[in-house]
């Protein structure tokens, strides 16, 4: 569906639940749209298709104590290690 249709669908979903509309927007835009547009064949197979089936969920963390939501000021980094990723940094609170 194109972006306008997607926004209209989210508007209708939000009539019943703003939280559900927010979750749908984040999963659809941040969780899958970028994968679909920018992912190679491996990414599409490993991440995009399972996300469409609801088997994987996308997430984004965008705040730090010294940067707030200023993405340019975020210092947290992820380093790939055996079995996953090692995160350095801290969350507010």
N, C-alpha and C. Protein backbone atom coordinates (compact mmCIF):
# COMPACT_ATOMS: atom_id res chain seq x y z
N UNK A 1 0.85 -1.18 0.00
CA UNK A 1 0.00 0.00 0.00
C UNK A 1 0.89 1.23 0.00
N UNK A 2 0.42 2.28 -0.62
CA UNK A 2 1.21 3.51 -0.64
C UNK A 2 1.11 4.24 0.70
N UNK A 3 1.94 5.24 0.88
CA UNK A 3 2.02 5.93 2.17
C UNK A 3 0.71 6.62 2.54
N UNK A 4 0.04 7.23 1.60
CA UNK A 4 -1.22 7.90 1.89
C UNK A 4 -2.27 6.90 2.39
N UNK A 5 -2.38 5.77 1.71
CA UNK A 5 -3.33 4.73 2.14
C UNK A 5 -2.97 4.21 3.52
N UNK A 6 -1.68 4.05 3.77
CA UNK A 6 -1.22 3.58 5.07
C UNK A 6 -1.62 4.58 6.17
N UNK A 7 -1.42 5.86 5.91
CA UNK A 7 -1.80 6.89 6.90
C UNK A 7 -3.30 6.89 7.14
N UNK A 8 -4.09 6.73 6.09
CA UNK A 8 -5.55 6.66 6.27
C UNK A 8 -5.95 5.43 7.08
N UNK A 9 -5.29 4.30 6.83
CA UNK A 9 -5.58 3.09 7.60
C UNK A 9 -5.22 3.30 9.07
N UNK A 10 -4.07 3.92 9.33
CA UNK A 10 -3.67 4.19 10.72
C UNK A 10 -4.65 5.13 11.41
N UNK A 11 -5.17 6.09 10.69
CA UNK A 11 -6.16 7.01 11.25
C UNK A 11 -7.39 6.24 11.70
N UNK A 12 -7.82 5.31 10.90
CA UNK A 12 -9.00 4.51 11.27
C UNK A 12 -8.69 3.59 12.45
N UNK A 13 -7.51 2.99 12.45
CA UNK A 13 -7.11 2.13 13.59
C UNK A 13 -7.08 2.97 14.86
N UNK A 14 -6.56 4.20 14.77
CA UNK A 14 -6.43 5.07 15.94
C UNK A 14 -7.78 5.46 16.52
N UNK A 15 -8.83 5.42 15.72
CA UNK A 15 -10.17 5.71 16.27
C UNK A 15 -10.53 4.73 17.37
N UNK A 16 -10.04 3.50 17.23
CA UNK A 16 -10.30 2.49 18.24
C UNK A 16 -9.21 2.40 19.28
N UNK A 17 -7.95 2.60 18.86
CA UNK A 17 -6.83 2.48 19.78
C UNK A 17 -5.62 3.23 19.24
N UNK A 18 -5.28 4.33 19.89
CA UNK A 18 -4.11 5.10 19.49
C UNK A 18 -2.85 4.27 19.72
N UNK A 19 -2.83 3.50 20.80
CA UNK A 19 -1.66 2.65 21.09
C UNK A 19 -1.44 1.63 19.99
N UNK A 20 -2.50 0.98 19.54
CA UNK A 20 -2.37 0.00 18.47
C UNK A 20 -1.90 0.67 17.18
N UNK A 21 -2.42 1.84 16.87
CA UNK A 21 -1.99 2.56 15.68
C UNK A 21 -0.50 2.91 15.77
N UNK A 22 -0.05 3.32 16.95
CA UNK A 22 1.36 3.63 17.16
C UNK A 22 2.25 2.41 16.97
N UNK A 23 1.82 1.28 17.52
CA UNK A 23 2.58 0.04 17.35
C UNK A 23 2.63 -0.38 15.89
N UNK A 24 1.50 -0.27 15.21
CA UNK A 24 1.45 -0.64 13.79
C UNK A 24 2.35 0.27 12.97
N UNK A 25 2.36 1.55 13.29
CA UNK A 25 3.20 2.50 12.56
C UNK A 25 4.67 2.19 12.76
N UNK A 26 5.08 1.96 14.00
CA UNK A 26 6.49 1.68 14.28
C UNK A 26 6.93 0.38 13.62
N UNK A 27 6.14 -0.67 13.75
CA UNK A 27 6.53 -1.95 13.15
C UNK A 27 6.57 -1.83 11.63
N UNK A 28 5.59 -1.15 11.07
CA UNK A 28 5.52 -1.05 9.61
C UNK A 28 6.59 -0.14 9.03
N UNK A 29 6.84 0.98 9.65
CA UNK A 29 7.81 1.92 9.11
C UNK A 29 9.23 1.58 9.55
N UNK A 30 9.46 1.54 10.84
CA UNK A 30 10.80 1.28 11.33
C UNK A 30 11.15 -0.20 11.25
N UNK A 31 10.17 -1.05 11.46
CA UNK A 31 10.44 -2.49 11.52
C UNK A 31 10.54 -3.18 10.19
N UNK A 32 9.81 -2.72 9.18
CA UNK A 32 9.82 -3.45 7.92
C UNK A 32 10.08 -2.61 6.68
N UNK A 33 9.63 -1.38 6.65
CA UNK A 33 9.78 -0.58 5.44
C UNK A 33 11.25 -0.41 5.06
N UNK A 34 12.09 -0.09 6.03
CA UNK A 34 13.51 0.08 5.74
C UNK A 34 14.13 -1.22 5.26
N UNK A 35 13.73 -2.33 5.88
CA UNK A 35 14.25 -3.63 5.43
C UNK A 35 13.86 -3.90 3.99
N UNK A 36 12.60 -3.62 3.67
CA UNK A 36 12.10 -3.87 2.32
C UNK A 36 12.81 -3.00 1.29
N UNK A 37 12.99 -1.73 1.61
CA UNK A 37 13.58 -0.82 0.64
C UNK A 37 15.09 -0.95 0.53
N UNK A 38 15.77 -1.28 1.63
CA UNK A 38 17.23 -1.23 1.65
C UNK A 38 17.90 -2.59 1.83
N UNK A 39 17.14 -3.62 2.19
CA UNK A 39 17.75 -4.90 2.50
C UNK A 39 18.15 -5.70 1.27
N UNK A 40 19.25 -6.46 1.41
CA UNK A 40 19.65 -7.38 0.36
C UNK A 40 18.84 -8.67 0.49
N UNK A 41 19.10 -9.65 -0.34
CA UNK A 41 18.33 -10.90 -0.34
C UNK A 41 18.39 -11.60 1.02
N UNK A 42 19.56 -11.59 1.65
CA UNK A 42 19.71 -12.23 2.95
C UNK A 42 18.86 -11.54 4.01
N UNK A 43 18.89 -10.21 4.05
CA UNK A 43 18.11 -9.44 5.02
C UNK A 43 16.61 -9.67 4.80
N UNK A 44 16.21 -9.69 3.54
CA UNK A 44 14.79 -9.92 3.23
C UNK A 44 14.35 -11.29 3.73
N UNK A 45 15.17 -12.29 3.54
CA UNK A 45 14.81 -13.65 3.96
C UNK A 45 14.85 -13.82 5.48
N UNK A 46 15.91 -13.31 6.12
CA UNK A 46 16.11 -13.50 7.57
C UNK A 46 15.24 -12.61 8.43
N UNK A 47 14.99 -11.37 7.98
CA UNK A 47 14.33 -10.39 8.83
C UNK A 47 12.98 -9.91 8.30
N UNK A 48 12.94 -9.54 7.03
CA UNK A 48 11.73 -8.94 6.47
C UNK A 48 10.56 -9.93 6.44
N UNK A 49 10.77 -11.09 5.85
CA UNK A 49 9.67 -12.06 5.74
C UNK A 49 9.16 -12.52 7.11
N UNK A 50 10.06 -12.84 8.08
CA UNK A 50 9.54 -13.19 9.40
C UNK A 50 8.81 -12.03 10.09
N UNK A 51 9.23 -10.79 9.83
CA UNK A 51 8.53 -9.63 10.42
C UNK A 51 7.12 -9.53 9.85
N UNK A 52 6.97 -9.79 8.56
CA UNK A 52 5.64 -9.74 7.96
C UNK A 52 4.72 -10.82 8.54
N UNK A 53 5.31 -11.95 8.91
CA UNK A 53 4.53 -13.04 9.50
C UNK A 53 4.30 -12.84 11.00
N UNK A 54 4.88 -11.79 11.58
CA UNK A 54 4.72 -11.54 13.01
C UNK A 54 5.66 -12.35 13.87
N UNK A 55 6.68 -12.95 13.26
CA UNK A 55 7.63 -13.78 14.00
C UNK A 55 8.80 -12.97 14.55
N UNK A 56 9.05 -11.81 13.97
CA UNK A 56 10.09 -10.90 14.44
C UNK A 56 9.47 -9.52 14.59
N UNK A 57 9.95 -8.78 15.56
CA UNK A 57 9.42 -7.44 15.83
C UNK A 57 10.57 -6.45 15.78
N UNK A 58 10.38 -5.35 15.07
CA UNK A 58 11.39 -4.31 14.99
C UNK A 58 11.35 -3.42 16.22
N UNK A 59 12.48 -2.83 16.56
CA UNK A 59 12.55 -1.93 17.71
C UNK A 59 13.56 -0.83 17.43
N UNK A 60 13.40 0.26 18.11
CA UNK A 60 14.36 1.36 18.00
C UNK A 60 14.45 2.03 19.37
N UNK A 61 15.66 2.36 19.76
CA UNK A 61 15.90 3.08 21.02
C UNK A 61 16.59 4.38 20.66
N UNK A 62 16.01 5.50 21.05
CA UNK A 62 16.54 6.77 20.59
C UNK A 62 16.74 7.80 21.70
N UNK A 63 16.98 7.39 22.91
CA UNK A 63 17.22 8.39 23.95
C UNK A 63 18.43 7.98 24.78
N UNK A 64 19.14 8.98 25.26
CA UNK A 64 20.27 8.80 26.16
C UNK A 64 20.26 9.95 27.16
N UNK A 65 20.83 9.73 28.34
CA UNK A 65 20.83 10.79 29.35
C UNK A 65 21.45 12.10 28.88
N UNK A 66 22.54 12.05 28.09
CA UNK A 66 23.22 13.27 27.67
C UNK A 66 22.79 13.76 26.29
N UNK A 67 21.90 13.02 25.62
CA UNK A 67 21.51 13.41 24.26
C UNK A 67 20.01 13.54 24.08
N UNK A 68 19.22 13.01 25.00
CA UNK A 68 17.76 13.00 24.80
C UNK A 68 17.45 12.23 23.53
N UNK A 69 16.67 12.81 22.65
CA UNK A 69 16.37 12.14 21.39
C UNK A 69 17.14 12.76 20.22
N UNK A 70 18.22 13.49 20.53
CA UNK A 70 19.09 14.05 19.49
C UNK A 70 19.94 12.91 18.94
N UNK A 71 19.52 12.35 17.80
CA UNK A 71 20.19 11.18 17.25
C UNK A 71 21.66 11.42 16.95
N UNK A 72 22.02 12.66 16.62
CA UNK A 72 23.41 12.97 16.32
C UNK A 72 24.27 12.92 17.58
N UNK A 73 23.66 13.11 18.75
CA UNK A 73 24.42 13.14 19.99
C UNK A 73 24.48 11.80 20.72
N UNK A 74 23.83 10.80 20.20
CA UNK A 74 23.80 9.49 20.87
C UNK A 74 25.16 8.82 20.77
N UNK A 75 25.65 8.30 21.90
CA UNK A 75 26.98 7.69 21.95
C UNK A 75 26.92 6.16 22.07
N UNK A 76 25.75 5.59 22.35
CA UNK A 76 25.63 4.14 22.48
C UNK A 76 26.03 3.47 21.18
N UNK A 77 26.74 2.36 21.31
CA UNK A 77 27.18 1.62 20.12
C UNK A 77 26.87 0.14 20.32
N UNK A 78 26.70 -0.57 19.23
CA UNK A 78 26.50 -2.02 19.25
C UNK A 78 27.68 -2.66 18.52
N UNK A 79 28.26 -3.68 19.15
CA UNK A 79 29.37 -4.40 18.54
C UNK A 79 28.97 -5.86 18.44
N UNK A 80 29.12 -6.42 17.24
CA UNK A 80 28.74 -7.82 17.03
C UNK A 80 29.73 -8.73 17.75
N UNK A 81 29.19 -9.67 18.52
CA UNK A 81 29.98 -10.68 19.24
C UNK A 81 29.34 -12.04 18.98
N UNK A 82 30.04 -13.09 19.37
CA UNK A 82 29.46 -14.42 19.22
C UNK A 82 28.12 -14.49 19.93
N UNK A 83 27.09 -14.89 19.21
CA UNK A 83 25.77 -15.05 19.81
C UNK A 83 24.91 -13.80 19.82
N UNK A 84 25.39 -12.69 19.29
CA UNK A 84 24.55 -11.50 19.28
C UNK A 84 25.35 -10.22 19.20
N UNK A 85 24.94 -9.23 20.00
CA UNK A 85 25.57 -7.92 19.99
C UNK A 85 25.85 -7.48 21.42
N UNK A 86 26.91 -6.74 21.61
CA UNK A 86 27.27 -6.16 22.89
C UNK A 86 26.99 -4.66 22.78
N UNK A 87 26.14 -4.15 23.64
CA UNK A 87 25.79 -2.73 23.63
C UNK A 87 26.60 -1.99 24.67
N UNK A 88 27.10 -0.81 24.30
CA UNK A 88 27.76 0.06 25.27
C UNK A 88 26.93 1.34 25.36
N UNK A 89 26.78 1.85 26.54
CA UNK A 89 25.97 3.05 26.74
C UNK A 89 25.02 2.84 27.89
N UNK A 90 24.12 3.79 28.08
CA UNK A 90 23.14 3.65 29.17
C UNK A 90 21.86 4.37 28.80
N UNK A 91 20.77 3.91 29.35
CA UNK A 91 19.46 4.51 29.14
C UNK A 91 19.18 5.51 30.25
N UNK A 92 18.32 6.50 29.99
CA UNK A 92 17.96 7.44 31.06
C UNK A 92 17.20 6.75 32.19
N UNK A 93 17.30 7.31 33.35
CA UNK A 93 16.52 6.82 34.49
C UNK A 93 17.19 5.74 35.15
